[in-house]
């Protein structure tokens, strides 16, 4: 009888060991830490197009500008009309005409009263210009689910023909500004232009920077 019990224990030992080994493997497969939710959620990215596409579209604008540099004896402002053609959303060309208004300041009037002479200044009466425009970056403001306003920060570089008191002068122009595009294809630009050209005064000649701030509004076709 003892031999029979001993023989049964010997036969059951491998099965018991196999059961324990299986239980250990199952415990090893158990994950105690929860899987981060970020690993379970697929991230979806969307790229939205421009609220107002520009590629291949012409634009007509009118503008007003004020000279913030040059002679302290003159107050110069200008108004103009300009046409744009947007080659792509990044690149465009512009050409326009401006009429310049000049008025002597109080300093010039005081000089006339005290000395009988007006200041020796040269000034622009009108100008025609052509520029290449590059949109550096693009952004968008959303007013509602259906209405948004987009804008561009742009740089411009071109050439200008100036009609001066002393005659004709040609020089470069550089600009920087922001263009805002509203619903119904209305645009507004705020920027600064630097006109650089040679002034021919009575007693002296030389190149000068004429920096203008301007406000421009237009319509995209």
C-alpha atoms as a PDB file:
ATOM      1  CA  UNK A   1       0.000   0.000   0.000  1.00  0.00           C
ATOM      2  CA  UNK A   2       2.818   2.423   0.867  1.00  0.00           C
ATOM      3  CA  UNK A   3       4.461   1.615  -2.415  1.00  0.00           C
ATOM      4  CA  UNK A   4       1.251   2.411  -4.261  1.00  0.00           C
ATOM      5  CA  UNK A   5       0.907   5.848  -2.572  1.00  0.00           C
ATOM      6  CA  UNK A   6       4.536   6.671  -3.240  1.00  0.00           C
ATOM      7  CA  UNK A   7       4.140   5.687  -6.884  1.00  0.00           C
ATOM      8  CA  UNK A   8       1.085   7.993  -7.265  1.00  0.00           C
ATOM      9  CA  UNK A   9       2.978  10.958  -5.801  1.00  0.00           C
ATOM     10  CA  UNK A  10       5.842  10.409  -8.218  1.00  0.00           C
ATOM     11  CA  UNK A  11       3.457  10.431 -11.182  1.00  0.00           C
ATOM     12  CA  UNK A  12       1.624  13.603 -10.057  1.00  0.00           C
ATOM     13  CA  UNK A  13       4.750  15.696  -9.384  1.00  0.00           C
ATOM     14  CA  UNK A  14       5.434  16.633 -13.064  1.00  0.00           C
ATOM     15  CA  UNK A  15       1.791  17.668 -13.573  1.00  0.00           C
ATOM     16  CA  UNK A  16       1.880  19.857 -10.433  1.00  0.00           C
ATOM     17  CA  UNK A  17       5.133  21.454 -11.563  1.00  0.00           C
ATOM     18  CA  UNK A  18       3.672  22.115 -15.018  1.00  0.00           C
ATOM     19  CA  UNK A  19       0.622  23.760 -13.441  1.00  0.00           C
ATOM     20  CA  UNK A  20       2.774  26.005 -11.280  1.00  0.00           C
ATOM     21  CA  UNK A  21       4.936  26.925 -14.279  1.00  0.00           C
ATOM     22  CA  UNK A  22       1.844  27.862 -16.327  1.00  0.00           C
ATOM     23  CA  UNK A  23       0.477  30.009 -13.506  1.00  0.00           C
ATOM     24  CA  UNK A  24       3.821  31.829 -13.199  1.00  0.00           C
ATOM     25  CA  UNK A  25       3.893  32.579 -16.935  1.00  0.00           C
ATOM     26  CA  UNK A  26       0.368  33.968 -16.795  1.00  0.00           C
ATOM     27  CA  UNK A  27       1.325  36.228 -13.896  1.00  0.00           C
ATOM     28  CA  UNK A  28       4.374  37.446 -15.840  1.00  0.00           C
ATOM     29  CA  UNK A  29       2.098  38.478 -18.714  1.00  0.00           C
ATOM     30  CA  UNK A  30      -0.124  40.514 -16.411  1.00  0.00           C
ATOM     31  CA  UNK A  31       0.338  44.323 -16.991  1.00  0.00           C
ATOM     32  CA  UNK A  32       0.097  46.184 -13.725  1.00  0.00           C
ATOM     33  CA  UNK A  33       0.526  49.719 -15.140  1.00  0.00           C
ATOM     34  CA  UNK A  34      -2.314  51.125 -17.229  1.00  0.00           C
ATOM     35  CA  UNK A  35      -1.494  51.950 -20.844  1.00  0.00           C
ATOM     36  CA  UNK A  36      -1.328  55.765 -21.262  1.00  0.00           C
ATOM     37  CA  UNK A  37      -4.418  57.102 -22.981  1.00  0.00           C
ATOM     38  CA  UNK A  38      -2.208  59.142 -25.330  1.00  0.00           C
ATOM     39  CA  UNK A  39      -0.986  55.868 -26.799  1.00  0.00           C
ATOM     40  CA  UNK A  40      -4.547  54.744 -27.504  1.00  0.00           C
ATOM     41  CA  UNK A  41      -5.778  57.922 -29.224  1.00  0.00           C
ATOM     42  CA  UNK A  42      -4.670  58.632 -32.775  1.00  0.00           C
ATOM     43  CA  UNK A  43      -3.688  62.254 -33.246  1.00  0.00           C
ATOM     44  CA  UNK A  44      -5.297  63.917 -36.241  1.00  0.00           C
ATOM     45  CA  UNK A  45      -3.774  67.047 -37.735  1.00  0.00           C
ATOM     46  CA  UNK A  46      -5.571  69.312 -40.196  1.00  0.00           C
ATOM     47  CA  UNK A  47      -4.172  72.019 -42.443  1.00  0.00           C
ATOM     48  CA  UNK A  48      -6.632  74.773 -43.249  1.00  0.00           C
ATOM     49  CA  UNK A  49      -6.378  76.750 -46.438  1.00  0.00           C
ATOM     50  CA  UNK A  50      -6.527  80.525 -46.708  1.00  0.00           C
ATOM     51  CA  UNK A  51      -9.793  82.183 -45.835  1.00  0.00           C
ATOM     52  CA  UNK A  52      -9.128  84.437 -48.860  1.00  0.00           C
ATOM     53  CA  UNK A  53      -7.078  82.727 -51.616  1.00  0.00           C
ATOM     54  CA  UNK A  54      -4.769  85.110 -53.509  1.00  0.00           C
ATOM     55  CA  UNK A  55      -3.232  83.052 -56.309  1.00  0.00           C
ATOM     56  CA  UNK A  56      -4.012  84.431 -59.754  1.00  0.00           C
ATOM     57  CA  UNK A  57      -6.182  87.324 -58.503  1.00  0.00           C
ATOM     58  CA  UNK A  58      -5.901  91.052 -59.341  1.00  0.00           C
ATOM     59  CA  UNK A  59      -6.534  93.759 -56.757  1.00  0.00           C
ATOM     60  CA  UNK A  60      -7.219  97.503 -57.003  1.00  0.00           C
ATOM     61  CA  UNK A  61      -6.429  99.824 -54.070  1.00  0.00           C
ATOM     62  CA  UNK A  62      -6.453 103.481 -53.042  1.00  0.00           C
ATOM     63  CA  UNK A  63      -4.069 104.819 -50.391  1.00  0.00           C
ATOM     64  CA  UNK A  64      -3.132 107.776 -48.224  1.00  0.00           C
ATOM     65  CA  UNK A  65       0.395 108.346 -46.868  1.00  0.00           C
ATOM     66  CA  UNK A  66       2.330 110.753 -44.694  1.00  0.00           C
ATOM     67  CA  UNK A  67       6.039 111.606 -44.823  1.00  0.00           C
ATOM     68  CA  UNK A  68       7.714 111.159 -41.420  1.00  0.00           C
ATOM     69  CA  UNK A  69      11.253 112.115 -42.440  1.00  0.00           C
ATOM     70  CA  UNK A  70      13.018 114.544 -44.747  1.00  0.00           C
ATOM     71  CA  UNK A  71      13.121 118.267 -44.205  1.00  0.00           C
ATOM     72  CA  UNK A  72      11.574 119.784 -41.088  1.00  0.00           C
ATOM     73  CA  UNK A  73      10.403 122.679 -43.252  1.00  0.00           C
ATOM     74  CA  UNK A  74       7.908 120.643 -45.271  1.00  0.00           C
ATOM     75  CA  UNK A  75       4.752 118.742 -44.410  1.00  0.00           C
ATOM     76  CA  UNK A  76       4.304 116.180 -47.197  1.00  0.00           C
ATOM     77  CA  UNK A  77       1.415 113.788 -47.721  1.00  0.00           C
ATOM     78  CA  UNK A  78       0.275 111.760 -50.697  1.00  0.00           C
ATOM     79  CA  UNK A  79      -2.674 109.830 -52.059  1.00  0.00           C
ATOM     80  CA  UNK A  80      -2.490 107.205 -54.764  1.00  0.00           C
ATOM     81  CA  UNK A  81      -4.062 104.381 -56.729  1.00  0.00           C
ATOM     82  CA  UNK A  82      -2.389 101.045 -57.185  1.00  0.00           C
ATOM     83  CA  UNK A  83      -2.948  97.709 -58.889  1.00  0.00           C
ATOM     84  CA  UNK A  84      -1.743  94.334 -57.631  1.00  0.00           C
ATOM     85  CA  UNK A  85      -1.514  90.958 -59.269  1.00  0.00           C
ATOM     86  CA  UNK A  86      -1.027  88.003 -56.921  1.00  0.00           C
ATOM     87  CA  UNK A  87       1.046  85.464 -58.853  1.00  0.00           C
ATOM     88  CA  UNK A  88       0.857  82.961 -55.982  1.00  0.00           C
ATOM     89  CA  UNK A  89      -0.202  83.157 -52.346  1.00  0.00           C
ATOM     90  CA  UNK A  90       3.396  84.186 -51.601  1.00  0.00           C
ATOM     91  CA  UNK A  91       4.478  86.373 -54.522  1.00  0.00           C
ATOM     92  CA  UNK A  92       2.887  89.345 -56.218  1.00  0.00           C
ATOM     93  CA  UNK A  93       3.633  92.488 -58.233  1.00  0.00           C
ATOM     94  CA  UNK A  94       2.288  96.019 -57.794  1.00  0.00           C
ATOM     95  CA  UNK A  95       2.312  99.248 -59.798  1.00  0.00           C
ATOM     96  CA  UNK A  96       0.829 102.614 -58.931  1.00  0.00           C
ATOM     97  CA  UNK A  97       0.716 106.377 -59.184  1.00  0.00           C
ATOM     98  CA  UNK A  98       0.791 108.883 -56.286  1.00  0.00           C
ATOM     99  CA  UNK A  99       0.076 112.602 -56.124  1.00  0.00           C
ATOM    100  CA  UNK A 100       2.079 114.456 -53.443  1.00  0.00           C
ATOM    101  CA  UNK A 101       0.902 117.487 -51.485  1.00  0.00           C
ATOM    102  CA  UNK A 102       3.503 119.755 -49.848  1.00  0.00           C
ATOM    103  CA  UNK A 103       3.000 122.540 -47.357  1.00  0.00           C
ATOM    104  CA  UNK A 104       5.557 124.683 -45.525  1.00  0.00           C
ATOM    105  CA  UNK A 105       5.619 124.187 -41.770  1.00  0.00           C
ATOM    106  CA  UNK A 106       5.629 126.922 -39.119  1.00  0.00           C
ATOM    107  CA  UNK A 107       9.422 126.712 -39.024  1.00  0.00           C
ATOM    108  CA  UNK A 108       9.581 127.678 -42.695  1.00  0.00           C
ATOM    109  CA  UNK A 109       7.085 130.504 -42.177  1.00  0.00           C
ATOM    110  CA  UNK A 110       9.127 131.872 -39.261  1.00  0.00           C
ATOM    111  CA  UNK A 111      12.266 131.765 -41.410  1.00  0.00           C
ATOM    112  CA  UNK A 112      10.466 133.707 -44.125  1.00  0.00           C
ATOM    113  CA  UNK A 113       9.328 136.347 -41.616  1.00  0.00           C
ATOM    114  CA  UNK A 114      12.740 136.809 -40.024  1.00  0.00           C
ATOM    115  CA  UNK A 115      15.013 136.568 -43.061  1.00  0.00           C
ATOM    116  CA  UNK A 116      12.741 137.044 -46.035  1.00  0.00           C
ATOM    117  CA  UNK A 117      13.862 133.724 -47.535  1.00  0.00           C
ATOM    118  CA  UNK A 118      12.186 130.358 -47.872  1.00  0.00           C
ATOM    119  CA  UNK A 119      14.130 127.198 -46.974  1.00  0.00           C
ATOM    120  CA  UNK A 120      16.241 125.601 -49.686  1.00  0.00           C
ATOM    121  CA  UNK A 121      14.342 122.326 -50.130  1.00  0.00           C
ATOM    122  CA  UNK A 122      13.542 119.932 -52.928  1.00  0.00           C
ATOM    123  CA  UNK A 123      10.325 117.943 -52.860  1.00  0.00           C
ATOM    124  CA  UNK A 124       8.304 115.436 -54.850  1.00  0.00           C
ATOM    125  CA  UNK A 125       5.152 116.465 -56.704  1.00  0.00           C
ATOM    126  CA  UNK A 126       4.163 113.004 -57.953  1.00  0.00           C
ATOM    127  CA  UNK A 127       5.658 109.542 -58.399  1.00  0.00           C
ATOM    128  CA  UNK A 128       5.125 106.305 -60.307  1.00  0.00           C
ATOM    129  CA  UNK A 129       6.380 103.027 -58.888  1.00  0.00           C
ATOM    130  CA  UNK A 130       6.556  99.286 -59.479  1.00  0.00           C
ATOM    131  CA  UNK A 131       7.335  96.713 -56.791  1.00  0.00           C
ATOM    132  CA  UNK A 132       7.782  92.995 -56.193  1.00  0.00           C
ATOM    133  CA  UNK A 133       5.854  91.778 -53.121  1.00  0.00           C
ATOM    134  CA  UNK A 134       6.688  88.770 -50.929  1.00  0.00           C
ATOM    135  CA  UNK A 135       4.346  87.525 -48.192  1.00  0.00           C
ATOM    136  CA  UNK A 136       6.563  86.412 -45.311  1.00  0.00           C
ATOM    137  CA  UNK A 137       3.927  84.701 -43.165  1.00  0.00           C
ATOM    138  CA  UNK A 138       0.184  84.174 -43.095  1.00  0.00           C
ATOM    139  CA  UNK A 139      -2.314  84.154 -40.215  1.00  0.00           C
ATOM    140  CA  UNK A 140      -6.033  84.137 -39.589  1.00  0.00           C
ATOM    141  CA  UNK A 141      -8.542  85.563 -37.113  1.00  0.00           C
ATOM    142  CA  UNK A 142     -11.877  83.767 -36.783  1.00  0.00           C
ATOM    143  CA  UNK A 143     -14.968  85.796 -35.867  1.00  0.00           C
ATOM    144  CA  UNK A 144     -17.387  82.859 -35.993  1.00  0.00           C
ATOM    145  CA  UNK A 145     -17.720  79.372 -37.472  1.00  0.00           C
ATOM    146  CA  UNK A 146     -18.474  80.844 -40.871  1.00  0.00           C
ATOM    147  CA  UNK A 147     -16.511  84.130 -40.913  1.00  0.00           C
ATOM    148  CA  UNK A 148     -12.757  84.656 -40.655  1.00  0.00           C
ATOM    149  CA  UNK A 149     -10.239  87.380 -41.482  1.00  0.00           C
ATOM    150  CA  UNK A 150      -6.805  86.469 -42.814  1.00  0.00           C
ATOM    151  CA  UNK A 151      -3.672  88.593 -42.917  1.00  0.00           C
ATOM    152  CA  UNK A 152      -0.178  88.609 -44.406  1.00  0.00           C
ATOM    153  CA  UNK A 153       3.038  90.214 -43.262  1.00  0.00           C
ATOM    154  CA  UNK A 154       4.748  91.300 -46.473  1.00  0.00           C
ATOM    155  CA  UNK A 155       7.937  92.874 -47.811  1.00  0.00           C
ATOM    156  CA  UNK A 156       8.239  94.905 -50.991  1.00  0.00           C
ATOM    157  CA  UNK A 157      11.113  96.122 -53.154  1.00  0.00           C
ATOM    158  CA  UNK A 158      10.919  98.174 -56.333  1.00  0.00           C
ATOM    159  CA  UNK A 159      11.845 101.212 -58.384  1.00  0.00           C
ATOM    160  CA  UNK A 160      10.208 104.675 -58.437  1.00  0.00           C
ATOM    161  CA  UNK A 161      10.188 107.557 -60.907  1.00  0.00           C
ATOM    162  CA  UNK A 162       9.831 110.830 -58.946  1.00  0.00           C
ATOM    163  CA  UNK A 163       8.673 114.125 -60.387  1.00  0.00           C
ATOM    164  CA  UNK A 164      10.512 116.641 -58.179  1.00  0.00           C
ATOM    165  CA  UNK A 165      10.508 120.410 -58.012  1.00  0.00           C
ATOM    166  CA  UNK A 166      14.002 120.235 -59.549  1.00  0.00           C
ATOM    167  CA  UNK A 167      13.152 117.675 -62.235  1.00  0.00           C
ATOM    168  CA  UNK A 168      13.032 113.890 -62.591  1.00  0.00           C
ATOM    169  CA  UNK A 169      14.743 111.428 -60.248  1.00  0.00           C
ATOM    170  CA  UNK A 170      14.763 107.634 -60.130  1.00  0.00           C
ATOM    171  CA  UNK A 171      15.451 105.558 -57.041  1.00  0.00           C
ATOM    172  CA  UNK A 172      14.597 102.393 -55.123  1.00  0.00           C
ATOM    173  CA  UNK A 173      11.791 101.886 -52.644  1.00  0.00           C
ATOM    174  CA  UNK A 174      11.519  99.296 -49.849  1.00  0.00           C
ATOM    175  CA  UNK A 175       8.455  98.569 -47.753  1.00  0.00           C
ATOM    176  CA  UNK A 176       7.119  96.402 -44.942  1.00  0.00           C
ATOM    177  CA  UNK A 177       3.529  96.048 -43.831  1.00  0.00           C
ATOM    178  CA  UNK A 178       0.484  93.968 -42.982  1.00  0.00           C
ATOM    179  CA  UNK A 179      -2.363  93.160 -45.359  1.00  0.00           C
ATOM    180  CA  UNK A 180      -5.744  92.231 -43.850  1.00  0.00           C
ATOM    181  CA  UNK A 181      -8.332  90.399 -45.956  1.00  0.00           C
ATOM    182  CA  UNK A 182     -11.954  90.632 -44.858  1.00  0.00           C
ATOM    183  CA  UNK A 183     -15.104  88.904 -46.087  1.00  0.00           C
ATOM    184  CA  UNK A 184     -16.515  90.072 -49.429  1.00  0.00           C
ATOM    185  CA  UNK A 185     -12.907  90.372 -50.774  1.00  0.00           C
ATOM    186  CA  UNK A 186     -12.159  93.698 -49.065  1.00  0.00           C
ATOM    187  CA  UNK A 187      -8.527  94.376 -48.133  1.00  0.00           C
ATOM    188  CA  UNK A 188      -6.766  96.877 -45.870  1.00  0.00           C
ATOM    189  CA  UNK A 189      -3.013  97.445 -45.720  1.00  0.00           C
ATOM    190  CA  UNK A 190      -0.953  99.273 -43.125  1.00  0.00           C
ATOM    191  CA  UNK A 191       2.728  99.758 -43.854  1.00  0.00           C
ATOM    192  CA  UNK A 192       5.849 101.864 -44.217  1.00  0.00           C
ATOM    193  CA  UNK A 193       7.738 102.779 -47.405  1.00  0.00           C
ATOM    194  CA  UNK A 194      11.250 104.205 -47.674  1.00  0.00           C
ATOM    195  CA  UNK A 195      11.846 106.205 -50.873  1.00  0.00           C
ATOM    196  CA  UNK A 196      15.533 106.807 -51.568  1.00  0.00           C
ATOM    197  CA  UNK A 197      16.489 109.287 -54.302  1.00  0.00           C
ATOM    198  CA  UNK A 198      18.702 112.263 -55.118  1.00  0.00           C
ATOM    199  CA  UNK A 199      17.430 115.724 -54.182  1.00  0.00           C
ATOM    200  CA  UNK A 200      18.759 118.708 -56.133  1.00  0.00           C
ATOM    201  CA  UNK A 201      18.517 121.781 -53.944  1.00  0.00           C
ATOM    202  CA  UNK A 202      19.739 125.236 -54.998  1.00  0.00           C
ATOM    203  CA  UNK A 203      22.784 125.251 -52.743  1.00  0.00           C
ATOM    204  CA  UNK A 204      23.357 121.528 -52.255  1.00  0.00           C
ATOM    205  CA  UNK A 205      22.588 118.113 -53.691  1.00  0.00           C
ATOM    206  CA  UNK A 206      22.486 114.657 -52.133  1.00  0.00           C
ATOM    207  CA  UNK A 207      20.579 111.438 -51.621  1.00  0.00           C
ATOM    208  CA  UNK A 208      17.884 111.323 -48.964  1.00  0.00           C
ATOM    209  CA  UNK A 209      15.501 108.834 -47.338  1.00  0.00           C
ATOM    210  CA  UNK A 210      11.840 109.787 -47.388  1.00  0.00           C
ATOM    211  CA  UNK A 211       9.931 107.435 -45.074  1.00  0.00           C
ATOM    212  CA  UNK A 212       6.147 107.285 -45.522  1.00  0.00           C
ATOM    213  CA  UNK A 213       3.531 105.564 -43.387  1.00  0.00           C
ATOM    214  CA  UNK A 214       0.429 104.619 -45.354  1.00  0.00           C
ATOM    215  CA  UNK A 215      -3.079 103.217 -45.088  1.00  0.00           C
ATOM    216  CA  UNK A 216      -4.470 101.410 -48.115  1.00  0.00           C
ATOM    217  CA  UNK A 217      -7.805  99.828 -48.873  1.00  0.00           C
ATOM    218  CA  UNK A 218      -8.779  97.742 -51.881  1.00  0.00           C
ATOM    219  CA  UNK A 219     -10.884  95.056 -53.496  1.00  0.00           C
ATOM    220  CA  UNK A 220      -9.870  91.594 -54.759  1.00  0.00           C
ATOM    221  CA  UNK A 221     -11.371  90.385 -58.043  1.00  0.00           C
END
